[in-house]
Amino acid sequence: MIEKGKIIELENNDEYYIIDKIKLKGRCYLYISKLNPINGHDLCFVEYIDDKIFPVSNDSILTELLLLISKQEIKRNS
């Protein structure tokens, strides 16, 4: 089971930390970060389907995910 806080290894052999797991419109998305991030490309959203991970390229979905993450951060910092 894939959960927030776990470390996963992708096909490119890079390890990523699962920052958050988000349910949106009946789908499961992960907000992940390389273990040693260097730039903004080391943080990304991926879709989790049948134990596989796929990059999210739909701009409207990315916008919704970013808004959800932002709202969660604002609540945590209030």
PDB file of N, CA and C in Angstrom:
ATOM      1  N   MET A   1       0.843  -1.186   0.000  1.00  0.00           N
ATOM      2  CA  MET A   1       0.000   0.000   0.000  1.00  0.00           C
ATOM      3  C   MET A   1       0.885   1.246   0.000  1.00  0.00           C
ATOM      4  N   ILE A   2       0.587   2.158  -0.854  1.00  0.00           N
ATOM      5  CA  ILE A   2       1.365   3.389  -0.956  1.00  0.00           C
ATOM      6  C   ILE A   2       0.762   4.431  -0.012  1.00  0.00           C
ATOM      7  N   GLU A   3       1.594   4.998   0.843  1.00  0.00           N
ATOM      8  CA  GLU A   3       1.096   5.939   1.848  1.00  0.00           C
ATOM      9  C   GLU A   3       2.024   7.142   1.988  1.00  0.00           C
ATOM     10  N   LYS A   4       1.453   8.196   2.493  1.00  0.00           N
ATOM     11  CA  LYS A   4       2.193   9.415   2.803  1.00  0.00           C
ATOM     12  C   LYS A   4       3.334   9.070   3.763  1.00  0.00           C
ATOM     13  N   GLY A   5       4.513   9.632   3.502  1.00  0.00           N
ATOM     14  CA  GLY A   5       5.657   9.413   4.377  1.00  0.00           C
ATOM     15  C   GLY A   5       6.571   8.283   3.938  1.00  0.00           C
ATOM     16  N   LYS A   6       6.138   7.473   2.994  1.00  0.00           N
ATOM     17  CA  LYS A   6       6.968   6.362   2.527  1.00  0.00           C
ATOM     18  C   LYS A   6       7.940   6.827   1.457  1.00  0.00           C
ATOM     19  N   ILE A   7       8.961   6.034   1.236  1.00  0.00           N
ATOM     20  CA  ILE A   7       9.930   6.285   0.173  1.00  0.00           C
ATOM     21  C   ILE A   7       9.699   5.248  -0.920  1.00  0.00           C
ATOM     22  N   ILE A   8       9.647   5.735  -2.163  1.00  0.00           N
ATOM     23  CA  ILE A   8       9.435   4.842  -3.297  1.00  0.00           C
ATOM     24  C   ILE A   8      10.577   5.018  -4.292  1.00  0.00           C
ATOM     25  N   GLU A   9      10.813   3.990  -5.077  1.00  0.00           N
ATOM     26  CA  GLU A   9      11.833   4.068  -6.118  1.00  0.00           C
ATOM     27  C   GLU A   9      11.137   3.966  -7.467  1.00  0.00           C
ATOM     28  N   LEU A  10      11.423   4.914  -8.348  1.00  0.00           N
ATOM     29  CA  LEU A  10      10.822   4.921  -9.672  1.00  0.00           C
ATOM     30  C   LEU A  10      11.686   4.132 -10.652  1.00  0.00           C
ATOM     31  N   GLU A  11      11.165   3.952 -11.850  1.00  0.00           N
ATOM     32  CA  GLU A  11      11.870   3.165 -12.863  1.00  0.00           C
ATOM     33  C   GLU A  11      13.256   3.717 -13.189  1.00  0.00           C
ATOM     34  N   ASN A  12      13.441   5.026 -13.002  1.00  0.00           N
ATOM     35  CA  ASN A  12      14.750   5.635 -13.293  1.00  0.00           C
ATOM     36  C   ASN A  12      15.735   5.461 -12.132  1.00  0.00           C
ATOM     37  N   ASN A  13      15.338   4.666 -11.135  1.00  0.00           N
ATOM     38  CA  ASN A  13      16.138   4.347  -9.936  1.00  0.00           C
ATOM     39  C   ASN A  13      16.287   5.508  -8.962  1.00  0.00           C
ATOM     40  N   ASP A  14      15.587   6.618  -9.197  1.00  0.00           N
ATOM     41  CA  ASP A  14      15.589   7.718  -8.237  1.00  0.00           C
ATOM     42  C   ASP A  14      14.593   7.417  -7.124  1.00  0.00           C
ATOM     43  N   GLU A  15      14.981   7.775  -5.896  1.00  0.00           N
ATOM     44  CA  GLU A  15      14.094   7.570  -4.753  1.00  0.00           C
ATOM     45  C   GLU A  15      13.346   8.870  -4.459  1.00  0.00           C
ATOM     46  N   TYR A  16      12.074   8.709  -4.154  1.00  0.00           N
ATOM     47  CA  TYR A  16      11.204   9.849  -3.862  1.00  0.00           C
ATOM     48  C   TYR A  16      10.479   9.624  -2.547  1.00  0.00           C
ATOM     49  N   TYR A  17      10.273  10.713  -1.842  1.00  0.00           N
ATOM     50  CA  TYR A  17       9.508  10.729  -0.596  1.00  0.00           C
ATOM     51  C   TYR A  17       8.087  11.154  -0.941  1.00  0.00           C
ATOM     52  N   ILE A  18       7.105  10.434  -0.427  1.00  0.00           N
ATOM     53  CA  ILE A  18       5.701  10.803  -0.666  1.00  0.00           C
ATOM     54  C   ILE A  18       5.307  11.866   0.347  1.00  0.00           C
ATOM     55  N   ILE A  19       5.195  13.099  -0.136  1.00  0.00           N
ATOM     56  CA  ILE A  19       4.837  14.231   0.717  1.00  0.00           C
ATOM     57  C   ILE A  19       3.361  14.169   1.078  1.00  0.00           C
ATOM     58  N   ASP A  20       2.533  13.838   0.095  1.00  0.00           N
ATOM     59  CA  ASP A  20       1.092  13.789   0.340  1.00  0.00           C
ATOM     60  C   ASP A  20       0.421  12.851  -0.648  1.00  0.00           C
ATOM     61  N   LYS A  21      -0.699  12.329  -0.227  1.00  0.00           N
ATOM     62  CA  LYS A  21      -1.539  11.469  -1.055  1.00  0.00           C
ATOM     63  C   LYS A  21      -2.890  12.169  -1.154  1.00  0.00           C
ATOM     64  N   ILE A  22      -3.356  12.400  -2.377  1.00  0.00           N
ATOM     65  CA  ILE A  22      -4.554  13.212  -2.590  1.00  0.00           C
ATOM     66  C   ILE A  22      -5.563  12.460  -3.435  1.00  0.00           C
ATOM     67  N   LYS A  23      -6.791  12.419  -2.967  1.00  0.00           N
ATOM     68  CA  LYS A  23      -7.892  11.862  -3.753  1.00  0.00           C
ATOM     69  C   LYS A  23      -8.592  13.032  -4.437  1.00  0.00           C
ATOM     70  N   LEU A  24      -8.746  12.936  -5.754  1.00  0.00           N
ATOM     71  CA  LEU A  24      -9.392  13.997  -6.517  1.00  0.00           C
ATOM     72  C   LEU A  24     -10.162  13.371  -7.665  1.00  0.00           C
ATOM     73  N   LYS A  25     -11.445  13.633  -7.698  1.00  0.00           N
ATOM     74  CA  LYS A  25     -12.312  13.150  -8.774  1.00  0.00           C
ATOM     75  C   LYS A  25     -12.192  11.640  -8.977  1.00  0.00           C
ATOM     76  N   GLY A  26     -12.138  10.910  -7.867  1.00  0.00           N
ATOM     77  CA  GLY A  26     -12.095   9.456  -7.925  1.00  0.00           C
ATOM     78  C   GLY A  26     -10.743   8.867  -8.291  1.00  0.00           C
ATOM     79  N   ARG A  27      -9.732   9.694  -8.343  1.00  0.00           N
ATOM     80  CA  ARG A  27      -8.391   9.227  -8.694  1.00  0.00           C
ATOM     81  C   ARG A  27      -7.426   9.514  -7.550  1.00  0.00           C
ATOM     82  N   CYS A  28      -6.312   8.810  -7.542  1.00  0.00           N
ATOM     83  CA  CYS A  28      -5.315   8.975  -6.485  1.00  0.00           C
ATOM     84  C   CYS A  28      -4.070   9.631  -7.070  1.00  0.00           C
ATOM     85  N   TYR A  29      -3.665  10.729  -6.448  1.00  0.00           N
ATOM     86  CA  TYR A  29      -2.471  11.452  -6.864  1.00  0.00           C
ATOM     87  C   TYR A  29      -1.487  11.511  -5.703  1.00  0.00           C
ATOM     88  N   LEU A  30      -0.220  11.549  -6.042  1.00  0.00           N
ATOM     89  CA  LEU A  30       0.823  11.669  -5.038  1.00  0.00           C
ATOM     90  C   LEU A  30       1.622  12.933  -5.310  1.00  0.00           C
ATOM     91  N   TYR A  31       1.962  13.636  -4.252  1.00  0.00           N
ATOM     92  CA  TYR A  31       2.870  14.769  -4.324  1.00  0.00           C
ATOM     93  C   TYR A  31       4.189  14.235  -3.804  1.00  0.00           C
ATOM     94  N   ILE A  32       5.215  14.159  -4.668  1.00  0.00           N
ATOM     95  CA  ILE A  32       6.454  13.504  -4.301  1.00  0.00           C
ATOM     96  C   ILE A  32       7.654  14.428  -4.484  1.00  0.00           C
ATOM     97  N   SER A  33       8.723  14.083  -3.769  1.00  0.00           N
ATOM     98  CA  SER A  33       9.969  14.843  -3.842  1.00  0.00           C
ATOM     99  C   SER A  33      11.137  13.872  -3.858  1.00  0.00           C
ATOM    100  N   LYS A  34      12.153  14.183  -4.672  1.00  0.00           N
ATOM    101  CA  LYS A  34      13.389  13.416  -4.590  1.00  0.00           C
ATOM    102  C   LYS A  34      13.916  13.550  -3.169  1.00  0.00           C
ATOM    103  N   LEU A  35      14.646  12.558  -2.729  1.00  0.00           N
ATOM    104  CA  LEU A  35      15.179  12.601  -1.363  1.00  0.00           C
ATOM    105  C   LEU A  35      16.125  13.776  -1.155  1.00  0.00           C
ATOM    106  N   ASN A  36      16.850  14.132  -2.173  1.00  0.00           N
ATOM    107  CA  ASN A  36      17.760  15.284  -2.106  1.00  0.00           C
ATOM    108  C   ASN A  36      17.415  16.250  -3.232  1.00  0.00           C
ATOM    109  N   PRO A  37      16.329  16.998  -3.082  1.00  0.00           N
ATOM    110  CA  PRO A  37      15.906  17.889  -4.164  1.00  0.00           C
ATOM    111  C   PRO A  37      16.941  18.977  -4.450  1.00  0.00           C
ATOM    112  N   ILE A  38      17.097  19.250  -5.740  1.00  0.00           N
ATOM    113  CA  ILE A  38      18.046  20.282  -6.171  1.00  0.00           C
ATOM    114  C   ILE A  38      17.311  21.454  -6.805  1.00  0.00           C
ATOM    115  N   ASN A  39      16.238  21.152  -7.546  1.00  0.00           N
ATOM    116  CA  ASN A  39      15.484  22.221  -8.202  1.00  0.00           C
ATOM    117  C   ASN A  39      13.992  21.878  -8.198  1.00  0.00           C
ATOM    118  N   GLY A  40      13.193  22.732  -8.778  1.00  0.00           N
ATOM    119  CA  GLY A  40      11.746  22.561  -8.778  1.00  0.00           C
ATOM    120  C   GLY A  40      11.256  21.317  -9.496  1.00  0.00           C
ATOM    121  N   HIS A  41      12.075  20.782 -10.385  1.00  0.00           N
ATOM    122  CA  HIS A  41      11.686  19.570 -11.108  1.00  0.00           C
ATOM    123  C   HIS A  41      11.759  18.333 -10.226  1.00  0.00           C
ATOM    124  N   ASP A  42      12.383  18.461  -9.063  1.00  0.00           N
ATOM    125  CA  ASP A  42      12.504  17.335  -8.149  1.00  0.00           C
ATOM    126  C   ASP A  42      11.263  17.158  -7.275  1.00  0.00           C
ATOM    127  N   LEU A  43      10.314  18.072  -7.393  1.00  0.00           N
ATOM    128  CA  LEU A  43       9.005  17.980  -6.747  1.00  0.00           C
ATOM    129  C   LEU A  43       7.974  17.834  -7.850  1.00  0.00           C
ATOM    130  N   CYS A  44       7.052  16.892  -7.710  1.00  0.00           N
ATOM    131  CA  CYS A  44       6.059  16.736  -8.771  1.00  0.00           C
ATOM    132  C   CYS A  44       4.818  15.995  -8.281  1.00  0.00           C
ATOM    133  N   PHE A  45       3.797  16.073  -9.094  1.00  0.00           N
ATOM    134  CA  PHE A  45       2.578  15.311  -8.873  1.00  0.00           C
ATOM    135  C   PHE A  45       2.569  14.150  -9.846  1.00  0.00           C
ATOM    136  N   VAL A  46       2.162  12.986  -9.354  1.00  0.00           N
ATOM    137  CA  VAL A  46       2.007  11.812 -10.202  1.00  0.00           C
ATOM    138  C   VAL A  46       0.663  11.168  -9.882  1.00  0.00           C
ATOM    139  N   GLU A  47       0.138  10.438 -10.834  1.00  0.00           N
ATOM    140  CA  GLU A  47      -1.096   9.695 -10.606  1.00  0.00           C
ATOM    141  C   GLU A  47      -0.727   8.250 -10.309  1.00  0.00           C
ATOM    142  N   TYR A  48      -1.381   7.687  -9.313  1.00  0.00           N
ATOM    143  CA  TYR A  48      -1.124   6.312  -8.877  1.00  0.00           C
ATOM    144  C   TYR A  48      -2.271   5.427  -9.360  1.00  0.00           C
ATOM    145  N   ILE A  49      -1.956   4.507 -10.287  1.00  0.00           N
ATOM    146  CA  ILE A  49      -2.965   3.610 -10.858  1.00  0.00           C
ATOM    147  C   ILE A  49      -2.406   2.188 -10.869  1.00  0.00           C
ATOM    148  N   ASP A  50      -3.102   1.271 -10.224  1.00  0.00           N
ATOM    149  CA  ASP A  50      -2.724  -0.150 -10.248  1.00  0.00           C
ATOM    150  C   ASP A  50      -1.241  -0.370  -9.943  1.00  0.00           C
ATOM    151  N   ASP A  51      -0.774   0.192  -8.844  1.00  0.00           N
ATOM    152  CA  ASP A  51       0.615   0.059  -8.402  1.00  0.00           C
ATOM    153  C   ASP A  51       1.638   0.638  -9.376  1.00  0.00           C
ATOM    154  N   LYS A  52       1.198   1.536 -10.238  1.00  0.00           N
ATOM    155  CA  LYS A  52       2.094   2.216 -11.173  1.00  0.00           C
ATOM    156  C   LYS A  52       1.934   3.716 -11.018  1.00  0.00           C
ATOM    157  N   ILE A  53       2.962   4.445 -11.387  1.00  0.00           N
ATOM    158  CA  ILE A  53       2.964   5.894 -11.247  1.00  0.00           C
ATOM    159  C   ILE A  53       3.123   6.531 -12.621  1.00  0.00           C
ATOM    160  N   PHE A  54       2.265   7.547 -12.871  1.00  0.00           N
ATOM    161  CA  PHE A  54       2.265   8.237 -14.154  1.00  0.00           C
ATOM    162  C   PHE A  54       2.344   9.742 -13.918  1.00  0.00           C
ATOM    163  N   PRO A  55       3.148  10.458 -14.688  1.00  0.00           N
ATOM    164  CA  PRO A  55       3.229  11.911 -14.526  1.00  0.00           C
ATOM    165  C   PRO A  55       1.885  12.571 -14.842  1.00  0.00           C
ATOM    166  N   VAL A  56       1.592  13.636 -14.140  1.00  0.00           N
ATOM    167  CA  VAL A  56       0.371  14.401 -14.391  1.00  0.00           C
ATOM    168  C   VAL A  56       0.738  15.539 -15.340  1.00  0.00           C
ATOM    169  N   SER A  57       0.086  15.570 -16.500  1.00  0.00           N
ATOM    170  CA  SER A  57       0.389  16.619 -17.471  1.00  0.00           C
ATOM    171  C   SER A  57      -0.812  17.516 -17.766  1.00  0.00           C
ATOM    172  N   ASN A  58      -1.977  17.165 -17.251  1.00  0.00           N
ATOM    173  CA  ASN A  58      -3.185  17.947 -17.464  1.00  0.00           C
ATOM    174  C   ASN A  58      -3.112  19.214 -16.600  1.00  0.00           C
ATOM    175  N   ASP A  59      -3.074  20.370 -17.241  1.00  0.00           N
ATOM    176  CA  ASP A  59      -2.923  21.637 -16.517  1.00  0.00           C
ATOM    177  C   ASP A  59      -4.043  21.906 -15.527  1.00  0.00           C
ATOM    178  N   SER A  60      -5.277  21.551 -15.857  1.00  0.00           N
ATOM    179  CA  SER A  60      -6.380  21.824 -14.930  1.00  0.00           C
ATOM    180  C   SER A  60      -6.282  20.929 -13.684  1.00  0.00           C
ATOM    181  N   ILE A  61      -5.849  19.693 -13.864  1.00  0.00           N
ATOM    182  CA  ILE A  61      -5.649  18.803 -12.706  1.00  0.00           C
ATOM    183  C   ILE A  61      -4.487  19.308 -11.861  1.00  0.00           C
ATOM    184  N   LEU A  62      -3.400  19.710 -12.505  1.00  0.00           N
ATOM    185  CA  LEU A  62      -2.252  20.254 -11.766  1.00  0.00           C
ATOM    186  C   LEU A  62      -2.650  21.480 -10.952  1.00  0.00           C
ATOM    187  N   THR A  63      -3.455  22.350 -11.539  1.00  0.00           N
ATOM    188  CA  THR A  63      -3.913  23.545 -10.832  1.00  0.00           C
ATOM    189  C   THR A  63      -4.737  23.158  -9.606  1.00  0.00           C
ATOM    190  N   GLU A  64      -5.650  22.209  -9.765  1.00  0.00           N
ATOM    191  CA  GLU A  64      -6.478  21.763  -8.630  1.00  0.00           C
ATOM    192  C   GLU A  64      -5.611  21.146  -7.534  1.00  0.00           C
ATOM    193  N   LEU A  65      -4.632  20.338  -7.918  1.00  0.00           N
ATOM    194  CA  LEU A  65      -3.744  19.719  -6.932  1.00  0.00           C
ATOM    195  C   LEU A  65      -2.924  20.768  -6.192  1.00  0.00           C
ATOM    196  N   LEU A  66      -2.403  21.739  -6.921  1.00  0.00           N
ATOM    197  CA  LEU A  66      -1.635  22.815  -6.284  1.00  0.00           C
ATOM    198  C   LEU A  66      -2.489  23.613  -5.304  1.00  0.00           C
ATOM    199  N   LEU A  67      -3.723  23.891  -5.688  1.00  0.00           N
ATOM    200  CA  LEU A  67      -4.625  24.619  -4.792  1.00  0.00           C
ATOM    201  C   LEU A  67      -4.918  23.813  -3.527  1.00  0.00           C
ATOM    202  N   LEU A  68      -5.143  22.513  -3.675  1.00  0.00           N
ATOM    203  CA  LEU A  68      -5.393  21.666  -2.507  1.00  0.00           C
ATOM    204  C   LEU A  68      -4.197  21.633  -1.569  1.00  0.00           C
ATOM    205  N   ILE A  69      -3.002  21.489  -2.123  1.00  0.00           N
ATOM    206  CA  ILE A  69      -1.782  21.472  -1.304  1.00  0.00           C
ATOM    207  C   ILE A  69      -1.601  22.821  -0.609  1.00  0.00           C
ATOM    208  N   SER A  70      -1.840  23.905  -1.328  1.00  0.00           N
ATOM    209  CA  SER A  70      -1.697  25.248  -0.745  1.00  0.00           C
ATOM    210  C   SER A  70      -2.656  25.456   0.412  1.00  0.00           C
ATOM    211  N   LYS A  71      -3.903  25.026   0.231  1.00  0.00           N
ATOM    212  CA  LYS A  71      -4.899  25.168   1.308  1.00  0.00           C
ATOM    213  C   LYS A  71      -4.509  24.353   2.518  1.00  0.00           C
ATOM    214  N   GLN A  72      -3.961  23.152   2.318  1.00  0.00           N
ATOM    215  CA  GLN A  72      -3.533  22.322   3.436  1.00  0.00           C
ATOM    216  C   GLN A  72      -2.396  22.993   4.191  1.00  0.00           C
ATOM    217  N   GLU A  73      -1.467  23.603   3.465  1.00  0.00           N
ATOM    218  CA  GLU A  73      -0.339  24.289   4.118  1.00  0.00           C
ATOM    219  C   GLU A  73      -0.806  25.492   4.921  1.00  0.00           C
ATOM    220  N   ILE A  74      -1.775  26.223   4.372  1.00  0.00           N
ATOM    221  CA  ILE A  74      -2.308  27.385   5.103  1.00  0.00           C
ATOM    222  C   ILE A  74      -2.967  26.926   6.394  1.00  0.00           C
ATOM    223  N   LYS A  75      -3.726  25.845   6.357  1.00  0.00           N
ATOM    224  CA  LYS A  75      -4.364  25.319   7.572  1.00  0.00           C
ATOM    225  C   LYS A  75      -3.321  24.878   8.591  1.00  0.00           C
ATOM    226  N   ARG A  76      -2.244  24.223   8.137  1.00  0.00           N
ATOM    227  CA  ARG A  76      -1.200  23.754   9.050  1.00  0.00           C
ATOM    228  C   ARG A  76      -0.482  24.909   9.733  1.00  0.00           C
ATOM    229  N   ASN A  77      -0.344  26.002   9.007  1.00  0.00           N
ATOM    230  CA  ASN A  77       0.395  27.147   9.542  1.00  0.00           C
ATOM    231  C   ASN A  77      -0.487  28.152  10.275  1.00  0.00           C
ATOM    232  N   SER A  78      -1.780  27.893  10.380  1.00  0.00           N
ATOM    233  CA  SER A  78      -2.672  28.821  11.083  1.00  0.00           C
ATOM    234  C   SER A  78      -2.747  28.510  12.552  1.00  0.00           C
TER     235      SER A  78
END
